Amino acid sequence: MTLKDIEAMDTDIIRIDDAAAVIGCHPQSLREMIKDEPRSVGFNTCRVGRNIYIPRLAFLRWMGAI
């Protein structure tokens, strides 16, 4: 998954695996960071139960793509 792939998506939410691939970290590391220090990741996230959702546009803004 690349940043261009995420830009081309038509969904509002992206998966942790996709965000981690673009950032260059392990998905579990990103999950733990969001769980432990959600403000440290730099983009908005939403946790519902055990699920973590990442708004695609917020992630793209953080990456400087838009």
PDB file of N, CA and C in Angstrom:
ATOM      1  N   MET A   1       0.850  -1.174   0.000  1.00  0.00           N
ATOM      2  CA  MET A   1       0.000   0.000   0.000  1.00  0.00           C
ATOM      3  C   MET A   1       0.895   1.236   0.000  1.00  0.00           C
ATOM      4  N   THR A   2       0.543   2.174  -0.852  1.00  0.00           N
ATOM      5  CA  THR A   2       1.287   3.426  -0.937  1.00  0.00           C
ATOM      6  C   THR A   2       0.350   4.595  -0.632  1.00  0.00           C
ATOM      7  N   LEU A   3       0.926   5.758  -0.466  1.00  0.00           N
ATOM      8  CA  LEU A   3       0.139   6.955  -0.226  1.00  0.00           C
ATOM      9  C   LEU A   3      -0.785   7.232  -1.416  1.00  0.00           C
ATOM     10  N   LYS A   4      -0.303   6.994  -2.620  1.00  0.00           N
ATOM     11  CA  LYS A   4      -1.131   7.183  -3.825  1.00  0.00           C
ATOM     12  C   LYS A   4      -2.330   6.242  -3.802  1.00  0.00           C
ATOM     13  N   ASP A   5      -2.144   5.018  -3.318  1.00  0.00           N
ATOM     14  CA  ASP A   5      -3.258   4.072  -3.207  1.00  0.00           C
ATOM     15  C   ASP A   5      -4.315   4.592  -2.240  1.00  0.00           C
ATOM     16  N   ILE A   6      -3.871   5.150  -1.126  1.00  0.00           N
ATOM     17  CA  ILE A   6      -4.819   5.688  -0.150  1.00  0.00           C
ATOM     18  C   ILE A   6      -5.523   6.909  -0.714  1.00  0.00           C
ATOM     19  N   GLU A   7      -4.811   7.746  -1.454  1.00  0.00           N
ATOM     20  CA  GLU A   7      -5.447   8.899  -2.097  1.00  0.00           C
ATOM     21  C   GLU A   7      -6.533   8.458  -3.065  1.00  0.00           C
ATOM     22  N   ALA A   8      -6.330   7.355  -3.748  1.00  0.00           N
ATOM     23  CA  ALA A   8      -7.267   6.881  -4.762  1.00  0.00           C
ATOM     24  C   ALA A   8      -8.477   6.153  -4.174  1.00  0.00           C
ATOM     25  N   MET A   9      -8.433   5.800  -2.909  1.00  0.00           N
ATOM     26  CA  MET A   9      -9.551   5.082  -2.295  1.00  0.00           C
ATOM     27  C   MET A   9     -10.808   5.939  -2.281  1.00  0.00           C
ATOM     28  N   ASP A  10     -11.951   5.267  -2.271  1.00  0.00           N
ATOM     29  CA  ASP A  10     -13.214   6.000  -2.188  1.00  0.00           C
ATOM     30  C   ASP A  10     -13.907   5.783  -0.844  1.00  0.00           C
ATOM     31  N   THR A  11     -13.182   5.247   0.131  1.00  0.00           N
ATOM     32  CA  THR A  11     -13.741   5.040   1.464  1.00  0.00           C
ATOM     33  C   THR A  11     -13.353   6.191   2.383  1.00  0.00           C
ATOM     34  N   ASP A  12     -14.098   6.357   3.448  1.00  0.00           N
ATOM     35  CA  ASP A  12     -13.804   7.411   4.417  1.00  0.00           C
ATOM     36  C   ASP A  12     -12.819   6.952   5.485  1.00  0.00           C
ATOM     37  N   ILE A  13     -12.694   5.647   5.664  1.00  0.00           N
ATOM     38  CA  ILE A  13     -11.877   5.067   6.724  1.00  0.00           C
ATOM     39  C   ILE A  13     -10.814   4.171   6.100  1.00  0.00           C
ATOM     40  N   ILE A  14      -9.594   4.226   6.659  1.00  0.00           N
ATOM     41  CA  ILE A  14      -8.554   3.305   6.196  1.00  0.00           C
ATOM     42  C   ILE A  14      -8.189   2.356   7.332  1.00  0.00           C
ATOM     43  N   ARG A  15      -7.607   1.243   6.968  1.00  0.00           N
ATOM     44  CA  ARG A  15      -7.224   0.219   7.939  1.00  0.00           C
ATOM     45  C   ARG A  15      -5.864   0.541   8.554  1.00  0.00           C
ATOM     46  N   ILE A  16      -5.667   0.013   9.737  1.00  0.00           N
ATOM     47  CA  ILE A  16      -4.368   0.166  10.417  1.00  0.00           C
ATOM     48  C   ILE A  16      -3.248  -0.376   9.539  1.00  0.00           C
ATOM     49  N   ASP A  17      -3.469  -1.519   8.906  1.00  0.00           N
ATOM     50  CA  ASP A  17      -2.433  -2.132   8.072  1.00  0.00           C
ATOM     51  C   ASP A  17      -2.003  -1.194   6.935  1.00  0.00           C
ATOM     52  N   ASP A  18      -2.973  -0.514   6.332  1.00  0.00           N
ATOM     53  CA  ASP A  18      -2.662   0.399   5.233  1.00  0.00           C
ATOM     54  C   ASP A  18      -1.868   1.608   5.724  1.00  0.00           C
ATOM     55  N   ALA A  19      -2.306   2.192   6.828  1.00  0.00           N
ATOM     56  CA  ALA A  19      -1.597   3.344   7.388  1.00  0.00           C
ATOM     57  C   ALA A  19      -0.173   2.957   7.805  1.00  0.00           C
ATOM     58  N   ALA A  20      -0.029   1.810   8.429  1.00  0.00           N
ATOM     59  CA  ALA A  20       1.292   1.362   8.876  1.00  0.00           C
ATOM     60  C   ALA A  20       2.228   1.136   7.692  1.00  0.00           C
ATOM     61  N   ALA A  21       1.708   0.609   6.598  1.00  0.00           N
ATOM     62  CA  ALA A  21       2.541   0.378   5.418  1.00  0.00           C
ATOM     63  C   ALA A  21       3.071   1.694   4.857  1.00  0.00           C
ATOM     64  N   VAL A  22       2.239   2.718   4.848  1.00  0.00           N
ATOM     65  CA  VAL A  22       2.666   4.023   4.337  1.00  0.00           C
ATOM     66  C   VAL A  22       3.673   4.676   5.282  1.00  0.00           C
ATOM     67  N   ILE A  23       3.409   4.582   6.581  1.00  0.00           N
ATOM     68  CA  ILE A  23       4.298   5.191   7.565  1.00  0.00           C
ATOM     69  C   ILE A  23       5.622   4.446   7.640  1.00  0.00           C
ATOM     70  N   GLY A  24       5.570   3.135   7.421  1.00  0.00           N
ATOM     71  CA  GLY A  24       6.781   2.318   7.477  1.00  0.00           C
ATOM     72  C   GLY A  24       7.004   1.692   8.839  1.00  0.00           C
ATOM     73  N   CYS A  25       5.916   1.332   9.506  1.00  0.00           N
ATOM     74  CA  CYS A  25       6.042   0.672  10.804  1.00  0.00           C
ATOM     75  C   CYS A  25       5.184  -0.593  10.810  1.00  0.00           C
ATOM     76  N   HIS A  26       5.337  -1.378  11.840  1.00  0.00           N
ATOM     77  CA  HIS A  26       4.551  -2.604  11.980  1.00  0.00           C
ATOM     78  C   HIS A  26       3.138  -2.228  12.430  1.00  0.00           C
ATOM     79  N   PRO A  27       2.108  -2.864  11.866  1.00  0.00           N
ATOM     80  CA  PRO A  27       0.736  -2.539  12.253  1.00  0.00           C
ATOM     81  C   PRO A  27       0.467  -2.649  13.754  1.00  0.00           C
ATOM     82  N   GLN A  28       1.049  -3.639  14.402  1.00  0.00           N
ATOM     83  CA  GLN A  28       0.820  -3.789  15.842  1.00  0.00           C
ATOM     84  C   GLN A  28       1.441  -2.641  16.625  1.00  0.00           C
ATOM     85  N   SER A  29       2.568  -2.137  16.167  1.00  0.00           N
ATOM     86  CA  SER A  29       3.186  -0.980  16.826  1.00  0.00           C
ATOM     87  C   SER A  29       2.281   0.237  16.734  1.00  0.00           C
ATOM     88  N   LEU A  30       1.672   0.434  15.572  1.00  0.00           N
ATOM     89  CA  LEU A  30       0.754   1.551  15.397  1.00  0.00           C
ATOM     90  C   LEU A  30      -0.480   1.372  16.275  1.00  0.00           C
ATOM     91  N   ARG A  31      -1.017   0.155  16.340  1.00  0.00           N
ATOM     92  CA  ARG A  31      -2.166  -0.117  17.209  1.00  0.00           C
ATOM     93  C   ARG A  31      -1.856   0.230  18.661  1.00  0.00           C
ATOM     94  N   GLU A  32      -0.703  -0.212  19.136  1.00  0.00           N
ATOM     95  CA  GLU A  32      -0.319   0.032  20.529  1.00  0.00           C
ATOM     96  C   GLU A  32      -0.123   1.518  20.795  1.00  0.00           C
ATOM     97  N   MET A  33       0.466   2.231  19.836  1.00  0.00           N
ATOM     98  CA  MET A  33       0.677   3.660  20.011  1.00  0.00           C
ATOM     99  C   MET A  33      -0.668   4.386  20.102  1.00  0.00           C
ATOM    100  N   ILE A  34      -1.599   4.013  19.232  1.00  0.00           N
ATOM    101  CA  ILE A  34      -2.922   4.639  19.253  1.00  0.00           C
ATOM    102  C   ILE A  34      -3.649   4.297  20.551  1.00  0.00           C
ATOM    103  N   LYS A  35      -3.493   3.083  21.011  1.00  0.00           N
ATOM    104  CA  LYS A  35      -4.159   2.664  22.251  1.00  0.00           C
ATOM    105  C   LYS A  35      -3.575   3.388  23.460  1.00  0.00           C
ATOM    106  N   ASP A  36      -2.256   3.453  23.548  1.00  0.00           N
ATOM    107  CA  ASP A  36      -1.592   4.013  24.722  1.00  0.00           C
ATOM    108  C   ASP A  36      -1.531   5.545  24.714  1.00  0.00           C
ATOM    109  N   GLU A  37      -1.225   6.132  23.586  1.00  0.00           N
ATOM    110  CA  GLU A  37      -1.061   7.586  23.460  1.00  0.00           C
ATOM    111  C   GLU A  37      -1.702   8.069  22.162  1.00  0.00           C
ATOM    112  N   PRO A  38      -3.034   8.137  22.101  1.00  0.00           N
ATOM    113  CA  PRO A  38      -3.691   8.485  20.836  1.00  0.00           C
ATOM    114  C   PRO A  38      -3.295   9.845  20.272  1.00  0.00           C
ATOM    115  N   ARG A  39      -2.938  10.785  21.117  1.00  0.00           N
ATOM    116  CA  ARG A  39      -2.553  12.121  20.619  1.00  0.00           C
ATOM    117  C   ARG A  39      -1.156  12.141  20.023  1.00  0.00           C
ATOM    118  N   SER A  40      -0.364  11.111  20.277  1.00  0.00           N
ATOM    119  CA  SER A  40       1.011  11.097  19.790  1.00  0.00           C
ATOM    120  C   SER A  40       1.120  10.727  18.316  1.00  0.00           C
ATOM    121  N   VAL A  41       0.069  10.176  17.734  1.00  0.00           N
ATOM    122  CA  VAL A  41       0.184   9.738  16.347  1.00  0.00           C
ATOM    123  C   VAL A  41       0.072  10.875  15.344  1.00  0.00           C
ATOM    124  N   GLY A  42      -0.545  11.987  15.708  1.00  0.00           N
ATOM    125  CA  GLY A  42      -0.578  13.142  14.827  1.00  0.00           C
ATOM    126  C   GLY A  42      -1.785  13.225  13.917  1.00  0.00           C
ATOM    127  N   PHE A  43      -2.614  12.210  13.879  1.00  0.00           N
ATOM    128  CA  PHE A  43      -3.845  12.256  13.097  1.00  0.00           C
ATOM    129  C   PHE A  43      -4.973  11.677  13.943  1.00  0.00           C
ATOM    130  N   ASN A  44      -6.194  12.048  13.588  1.00  0.00           N
ATOM    131  CA  ASN A  44      -7.346  11.596  14.351  1.00  0.00           C
ATOM    132  C   ASN A  44      -7.560  10.098  14.192  1.00  0.00           C
ATOM    133  N   THR A  45      -8.007   9.487  15.265  1.00  0.00           N
ATOM    134  CA  THR A  45      -8.401   8.089  15.242  1.00  0.00           C
ATOM    135  C   THR A  45      -9.677   7.946  16.053  1.00  0.00           C
ATOM    136  N   CYS A  46     -10.355   6.860  15.853  1.00  0.00           N
ATOM    137  CA  CYS A  46     -11.573   6.593  16.606  1.00  0.00           C
ATOM    138  C   CYS A  46     -11.545   5.133  17.043  1.00  0.00           C
ATOM    139  N   ARG A  47     -11.689   4.915  18.341  1.00  0.00           N
ATOM    140  CA  ARG A  47     -11.753   3.549  18.858  1.00  0.00           C
ATOM    141  C   ARG A  47     -13.185   3.234  19.240  1.00  0.00           C
ATOM    142  N   VAL A  48     -13.675   2.116  18.739  1.00  0.00           N
ATOM    143  CA  VAL A  48     -14.984   1.604  19.107  1.00  0.00           C
ATOM    144  C   VAL A  48     -14.749   0.163  19.562  1.00  0.00           C
ATOM    145  N   GLY A  49     -14.817  -0.019  20.869  1.00  0.00           N
ATOM    146  CA  GLY A  49     -14.473  -1.336  21.407  1.00  0.00           C
ATOM    147  C   GLY A  49     -13.006  -1.609  21.153  1.00  0.00           C
ATOM    148  N   ARG A  50     -12.728  -2.709  20.501  1.00  0.00           N
ATOM    149  CA  ARG A  50     -11.348  -3.068  20.174  1.00  0.00           C
ATOM    150  C   ARG A  50     -10.923  -2.589  18.796  1.00  0.00           C
ATOM    151  N   ASN A  51     -11.856  -2.056  18.034  1.00  0.00           N
ATOM    152  CA  ASN A  51     -11.568  -1.627  16.668  1.00  0.00           C
ATOM    153  C   ASN A  51     -11.071  -0.183  16.643  1.00  0.00           C
ATOM    154  N   ILE A  52     -10.095   0.056  15.790  1.00  0.00           N
ATOM    155  CA  ILE A  52      -9.540   1.390  15.608  1.00  0.00           C
ATOM    156  C   ILE A  52      -9.809   1.818  14.171  1.00  0.00           C
ATOM    157  N   TYR A  53     -10.375   3.003  14.023  1.00  0.00           N
ATOM    158  CA  TYR A  53     -10.685   3.552  12.706  1.00  0.00           C
ATOM    159  C   TYR A  53      -9.840   4.802  12.470  1.00  0.00           C
ATOM    160  N   ILE A  54      -9.334   4.929  11.247  1.00  0.00           N
ATOM    161  CA  ILE A  54      -8.535   6.089  10.879  1.00  0.00           C
ATOM    162  C   ILE A  54      -9.246   6.806   9.730  1.00  0.00           C
ATOM    163  N   PRO A  55      -9.670   8.049   9.940  1.00  0.00           N
ATOM    164  CA  PRO A  55     -10.280   8.804   8.847  1.00  0.00           C
ATOM    165  C   PRO A  55      -9.250   9.046   7.739  1.00  0.00           C
ATOM    166  N   ARG A  56      -9.597   8.672   6.537  1.00  0.00           N
ATOM    167  CA  ARG A  56      -8.668   8.751   5.403  1.00  0.00           C
ATOM    168  C   ARG A  56      -8.186  10.177   5.155  1.00  0.00           C
ATOM    169  N   LEU A  57      -9.086  11.150   5.166  1.00  0.00           N
ATOM    170  CA  LEU A  57      -8.686  12.527   4.882  1.00  0.00           C
ATOM    171  C   LEU A  57      -7.778  13.096   5.971  1.00  0.00           C
ATOM    172  N   ALA A  58      -8.037  12.762   7.223  1.00  0.00           N
ATOM    173  CA  ALA A  58      -7.168  13.225   8.315  1.00  0.00           C
ATOM    174  C   ALA A  58      -5.761  12.645   8.148  1.00  0.00           C
ATOM    175  N   PHE A  59      -5.683  11.380   7.765  1.00  0.00           N
ATOM    176  CA  PHE A  59      -4.388  10.743   7.556  1.00  0.00           C
ATOM    177  C   PHE A  59      -3.655  11.395   6.388  1.00  0.00           C
ATOM    178  N   LEU A  60      -4.377  11.652   5.293  1.00  0.00           N
ATOM    179  CA  LEU A  60      -3.752  12.288   4.136  1.00  0.00           C
ATOM    180  C   LEU A  60      -3.258  13.691   4.461  1.00  0.00           C
ATOM    181  N   ARG A  61      -4.018  14.446   5.256  1.00  0.00           N
ATOM    182  CA  ARG A  61      -3.572  15.783   5.690  1.00  0.00           C
ATOM    183  C   ARG A  61      -2.295  15.683   6.504  1.00  0.00           C
ATOM    184  N   TRP A  62      -2.258  14.734   7.429  1.00  0.00           N
ATOM    185  CA  TRP A  62      -1.087  14.547   8.275  1.00  0.00           C
ATOM    186  C   TRP A  62       0.138  14.176   7.439  1.00  0.00           C
ATOM    187  N   MET A  63      -0.083  13.398   6.388  1.00  0.00           N
ATOM    188  CA  MET A  63       1.015  12.997   5.513  1.00  0.00           C
ATOM    189  C   MET A  63       1.414  14.113   4.535  1.00  0.00           C
ATOM    190  N   GLY A  64       0.629  15.197   4.495  1.00  0.00           N
ATOM    191  CA  GLY A  64       0.932  16.311   3.607  1.00  0.00           C
ATOM    192  C   GLY A  64       0.495  16.093   2.175  1.00  0.00           C
ATOM    193  N   ALA A  65      -0.398  15.136   1.977  1.00  0.00           N
ATOM    194  CA  ALA A  65      -0.843  14.816   0.607  1.00  0.00           C
ATOM    195  C   ALA A  65      -1.973  15.748   0.155  1.00  0.00           C
ATOM    196  N   ILE A  66      -2.669  16.369   1.103  1.00  0.00           N
ATOM    197  CA  ILE A  66      -3.728  17.316   0.724  1.00  0.00           C
ATOM    198  C   ILE A  66      -3.618  18.569   1.570  1.00  0.00           C
TER     199      ILE A  66
END
